[in-house]
Amino acid sequence: MLSNGLVVLWRSSVPHLQEIMKFLQLLTTTAFTVAIASSSATAAEIIATQTNETIGNGLQVYSVRLVDDSGNTVKTVRAVSGRAGQQTPSNRAGSQTPLPFGVYRFDNPGSVINVGGEFGGAWSAITPTFSTERSGLGLHYDPSAFKNNGQAGTAGCLATPTVAERDLVSNFIRTYRPTQLSVISEQLIPIKN
């Protein structure tokens, strides 16, 4: 066990040493928390992976997996975070950039409240489990994701771009009561067994 709760599991033979070294180098240069979960999850969770795909005016798409308490993916939806033109995650308060990579806890698991305006009728509050200046974060729907109105994207929350995806996420949260949201980069995924 290393600092900040990072757990490293090492095998006697390491077939992907170069990828592991790149990953460890990234860990030392990027401020985020990494959670390594086993295949037998004890609670439902949401895993959002930042991809290279964009929608609207250049909002980066997150592939969001809704995972039940058995570790099975129930659905996968899209989400966005941050404003167009500001798509590099940051720990700086007020930056209007995407969520920093890391693990967030749901403030009230199972709760989705109706908040109008740019929150699109759905709000689930989350709190980072790591040190950051960012606060007031949550999951919601972005009714402006595909519009050119200066409101496309979010001030830093994770938001679905369609009503159908909002409803899937809201129903998942109410039914499965996930306890955490993990936000990761697609660039960390290439390490395979």
Protein backbone atom coordinates (compact mmCIF):
# COMPACT_ATOMS: atom_id res chain seq x y z
CA MET A 1 0.00 0.00 0.00
CA LEU A 2 1.41 3.36 -1.03
CA SER A 3 0.32 6.88 -0.07
CA ASN A 4 -3.13 8.19 -1.07
CA GLY A 5 -4.61 4.69 -0.96
CA LEU A 6 -2.90 3.50 -4.15
CA VAL A 7 -2.56 -0.27 -4.15
CA VAL A 8 -0.08 -1.91 -6.52
CA LEU A 9 -0.43 -5.61 -7.27
CA TRP A 10 2.72 -7.21 -8.74
CA ARG A 11 2.95 -10.58 -10.51
CA SER A 12 6.05 -12.74 -10.62
CA SER A 13 6.19 -12.36 -14.41
CA VAL A 14 5.50 -8.96 -15.95
CA PRO A 15 4.71 -9.28 -19.69
CA HIS A 16 3.83 -5.58 -20.09
CA LEU A 17 6.64 -3.90 -18.15
CA GLN A 18 6.91 -0.97 -20.59
CA GLU A 19 3.19 -0.14 -20.28
CA ILE A 20 3.39 -0.43 -16.49
CA MET A 21 6.36 1.92 -16.39
CA LYS A 22 4.48 4.47 -18.55
CA PHE A 23 1.50 4.17 -16.22
CA LEU A 24 3.64 4.69 -13.11
CA GLN A 25 5.30 7.70 -14.77
CA LEU A 26 1.85 9.17 -15.47
CA LEU A 27 0.90 8.65 -11.83
CA THR A 28 3.89 10.68 -10.67
CA THR A 29 3.12 13.57 -13.03
CA THR A 30 -0.67 13.79 -12.70
CA ALA A 31 -2.64 14.71 -9.58
CA PHE A 32 -5.41 12.14 -9.29
CA THR A 33 -6.49 9.12 -7.29
CA VAL A 34 -6.57 5.66 -8.81
CA ALA A 35 -8.89 2.99 -7.54
CA ILE A 36 -8.21 -0.61 -8.45
CA ALA A 37 -11.38 -2.63 -8.03
CA SER A 38 -11.77 -6.38 -8.13
CA SER A 39 -14.25 -8.07 -10.42
CA SER A 40 -16.52 -8.76 -7.43
CA ALA A 41 -17.65 -5.26 -6.57
CA THR A 42 -19.40 -4.78 -3.25
CA ALA A 43 -21.48 -1.78 -4.33
CA ALA A 44 -22.83 -0.40 -7.56
CA GLU A 45 -20.69 2.28 -9.19
CA ILE A 46 -20.42 4.53 -12.21
CA ILE A 47 -17.22 4.57 -14.28
CA ALA A 48 -16.70 7.50 -16.67
CA THR A 49 -13.86 7.17 -19.17
CA GLN A 50 -12.75 10.26 -21.07
CA THR A 51 -12.48 9.39 -24.79
CA ASN A 52 -11.11 11.20 -27.86
CA GLU A 53 -14.60 11.46 -29.40
CA THR A 54 -16.26 14.90 -29.41
CA ILE A 55 -19.84 16.15 -29.80
CA GLY A 56 -21.44 19.57 -30.12
CA ASN A 57 -18.86 22.36 -30.28
CA GLY A 58 -15.93 20.13 -29.31
CA LEU A 59 -17.05 18.68 -25.99
CA GLN A 60 -15.08 15.53 -25.22
CA VAL A 61 -17.28 12.47 -24.73
CA TYR A 62 -17.02 10.30 -21.64
CA SER A 63 -18.11 6.68 -21.99
CA VAL A 64 -20.09 6.12 -18.80
CA ARG A 65 -20.57 2.55 -17.58
CA LEU A 66 -23.35 1.91 -15.08
CA VAL A 67 -22.08 -1.06 -13.05
CA ASP A 68 -24.28 -3.08 -10.66
CA ASP A 69 -23.16 -4.54 -7.32
CA SER A 70 -22.10 -7.79 -9.03
CA GLY A 71 -19.68 -5.94 -11.32
CA ASN A 72 -21.89 -6.25 -14.41
CA THR A 73 -22.33 -3.31 -16.76
CA VAL A 74 -26.07 -2.57 -16.86
CA LYS A 75 -25.85 0.18 -19.52
CA THR A 76 -23.29 2.46 -21.12
CA VAL A 77 -24.18 6.07 -21.91
CA ARG A 78 -22.35 9.23 -22.99
CA ALA A 79 -21.54 12.29 -20.90
CA VAL A 80 -19.66 15.57 -21.20
CA SER A 81 -17.74 17.67 -18.68
CA GLY A 82 -16.35 21.20 -18.86
CA ARG A 83 -16.92 23.86 -21.51
CA ALA A 84 -16.04 23.67 -25.22
CA GLY A 85 -12.47 24.84 -25.71
CA GLN A 86 -11.61 23.98 -22.10
CA GLN A 87 -11.38 20.19 -22.18
CA THR A 88 -8.28 19.50 -20.09
CA PRO A 89 -9.25 18.38 -16.56
CA SER A 90 -8.07 20.71 -13.79
CA ASN A 91 -8.07 20.85 -9.99
CA ARG A 92 -8.45 24.65 -10.07
CA ALA A 93 -11.71 26.06 -8.70
CA GLY A 94 -13.81 27.99 -11.22
CA SER A 95 -11.84 26.67 -14.19
CA GLN A 96 -14.93 25.46 -16.14
CA THR A 97 -12.84 22.42 -17.15
CA PRO A 98 -13.76 18.73 -16.89
CA LEU A 99 -13.75 16.86 -13.60
CA PRO A 100 -10.25 15.89 -12.46
CA PHE A 101 -9.50 12.19 -12.86
CA GLY A 102 -10.16 10.32 -9.63
CA VAL A 103 -12.80 8.76 -7.41
CA TYR A 104 -15.86 10.66 -6.17
CA ARG A 105 -18.42 9.52 -3.63
CA PHE A 106 -22.14 10.09 -4.01
CA ASP A 107 -23.32 12.42 -1.24
CA ASN A 108 -26.74 10.71 -1.09
CA PRO A 109 -26.63 7.33 -2.87
CA GLY A 110 -29.90 6.67 -4.67
CA SER A 111 -30.93 10.32 -4.69
CA VAL A 112 -31.73 12.25 -7.88
CA ILE A 113 -33.41 15.60 -7.30
CA ASN A 114 -35.27 17.71 -9.83
CA VAL A 115 -33.28 20.87 -10.59
CA GLY A 116 -34.21 22.90 -13.65
CA GLY A 117 -32.31 25.19 -16.01
CA GLU A 118 -28.95 23.94 -17.24
CA PHE A 119 -29.18 21.00 -14.80
CA GLY A 120 -31.93 19.55 -16.99
CA GLY A 121 -34.22 18.25 -14.26
CA ALA A 122 -31.78 15.84 -12.60
CA TRP A 123 -29.04 16.34 -9.99
CA SER A 124 -26.97 13.86 -7.96
CA ALA A 125 -24.27 15.49 -5.83
CA ILE A 126 -20.75 14.01 -5.68
CA THR A 127 -17.68 14.85 -3.61
CA PRO A 128 -14.04 14.12 -4.56
CA THR A 129 -12.22 11.61 -2.33
CA PHE A 130 -8.93 13.39 -3.07
CA SER A 131 -7.51 16.86 -2.53
CA THR A 132 -8.76 19.41 -5.08
CA GLU A 133 -10.07 22.98 -5.19
CA ARG A 134 -13.16 21.74 -7.09
CA SER A 135 -16.49 21.60 -5.24
CA GLY A 136 -20.23 21.77 -5.90
CA LEU A 137 -19.98 18.88 -8.36
CA GLY A 138 -22.62 16.46 -9.52
CA LEU A 139 -24.18 14.38 -12.27
CA HIS A 140 -26.94 15.95 -14.36
CA TYR A 141 -28.27 16.47 -17.88
CA ASP A 142 -26.91 19.21 -20.18
CA PRO A 143 -29.79 20.55 -22.32
CA SER A 144 -27.30 22.72 -24.25
CA ALA A 145 -24.77 20.01 -25.19
CA PHE A 146 -25.58 20.25 -28.90
CA LYS A 147 -26.33 24.00 -28.97
CA ASN A 148 -24.06 26.93 -29.79
CA ASN A 149 -25.36 29.15 -26.98
CA GLY A 150 -22.38 29.61 -24.66
CA GLN A 151 -23.92 27.13 -22.20
CA ALA A 152 -22.82 23.92 -23.96
CA GLY A 153 -21.03 21.61 -21.56
CA THR A 154 -20.75 22.12 -17.82
CA ALA A 155 -18.86 24.20 -15.28
CA GLY A 156 -17.17 20.95 -14.24
CA CYS A 157 -19.93 18.45 -13.53
CA LEU A 158 -20.53 15.25 -15.50
CA ALA A 159 -23.65 15.60 -17.67
CA THR A 160 -25.51 13.43 -20.15
CA PRO A 161 -26.18 15.08 -23.54
CA THR A 162 -29.67 13.64 -24.14
CA VAL A 163 -32.87 13.17 -22.15
CA ALA A 164 -32.83 9.42 -22.87
CA GLU A 165 -29.33 9.10 -21.36
CA ARG A 166 -30.35 11.32 -18.41
CA ASP A 167 -33.27 8.99 -17.71
CA LEU A 168 -31.07 5.87 -17.89
CA VAL A 169 -28.56 7.35 -15.43
CA SER A 170 -31.28 8.68 -13.09
CA ASN A 171 -33.06 5.31 -13.04
CA PHE A 172 -29.76 3.50 -12.42
CA ILE A 173 -28.92 5.80 -9.50
CA ARG A 174 -32.37 5.37 -7.93
CA THR A 175 -32.43 1.58 -8.44
CA TYR A 176 -28.83 0.52 -7.74
CA ARG A 177 -27.74 3.31 -5.36
CA PRO A 178 -24.11 3.57 -6.56
CA THR A 179 -21.69 4.81 -3.92
CA GLN A 180 -18.89 6.05 -6.15
CA LEU A 181 -18.06 7.59 -9.50
CA SER A 182 -14.62 6.89 -10.99
CA VAL A 183 -13.42 9.30 -13.67
CA ILE A 184 -10.54 7.94 -15.73
CA SER A 185 -8.66 8.63 -18.94
CA GLU A 186 -8.91 6.33 -21.96
CA GLN A 187 -5.10 6.61 -22.14
CA LEU A 188 -4.78 4.47 -18.97
CA ILE A 189 -6.71 1.52 -20.40
CA PRO A 190 -4.21 -0.06 -22.89
CA ILE A 191 -2.56 -2.25 -20.22
CA LYS A 192 -3.97 -5.73 -20.81
CA ASN A 193 -3.26 -9.20 -19.39
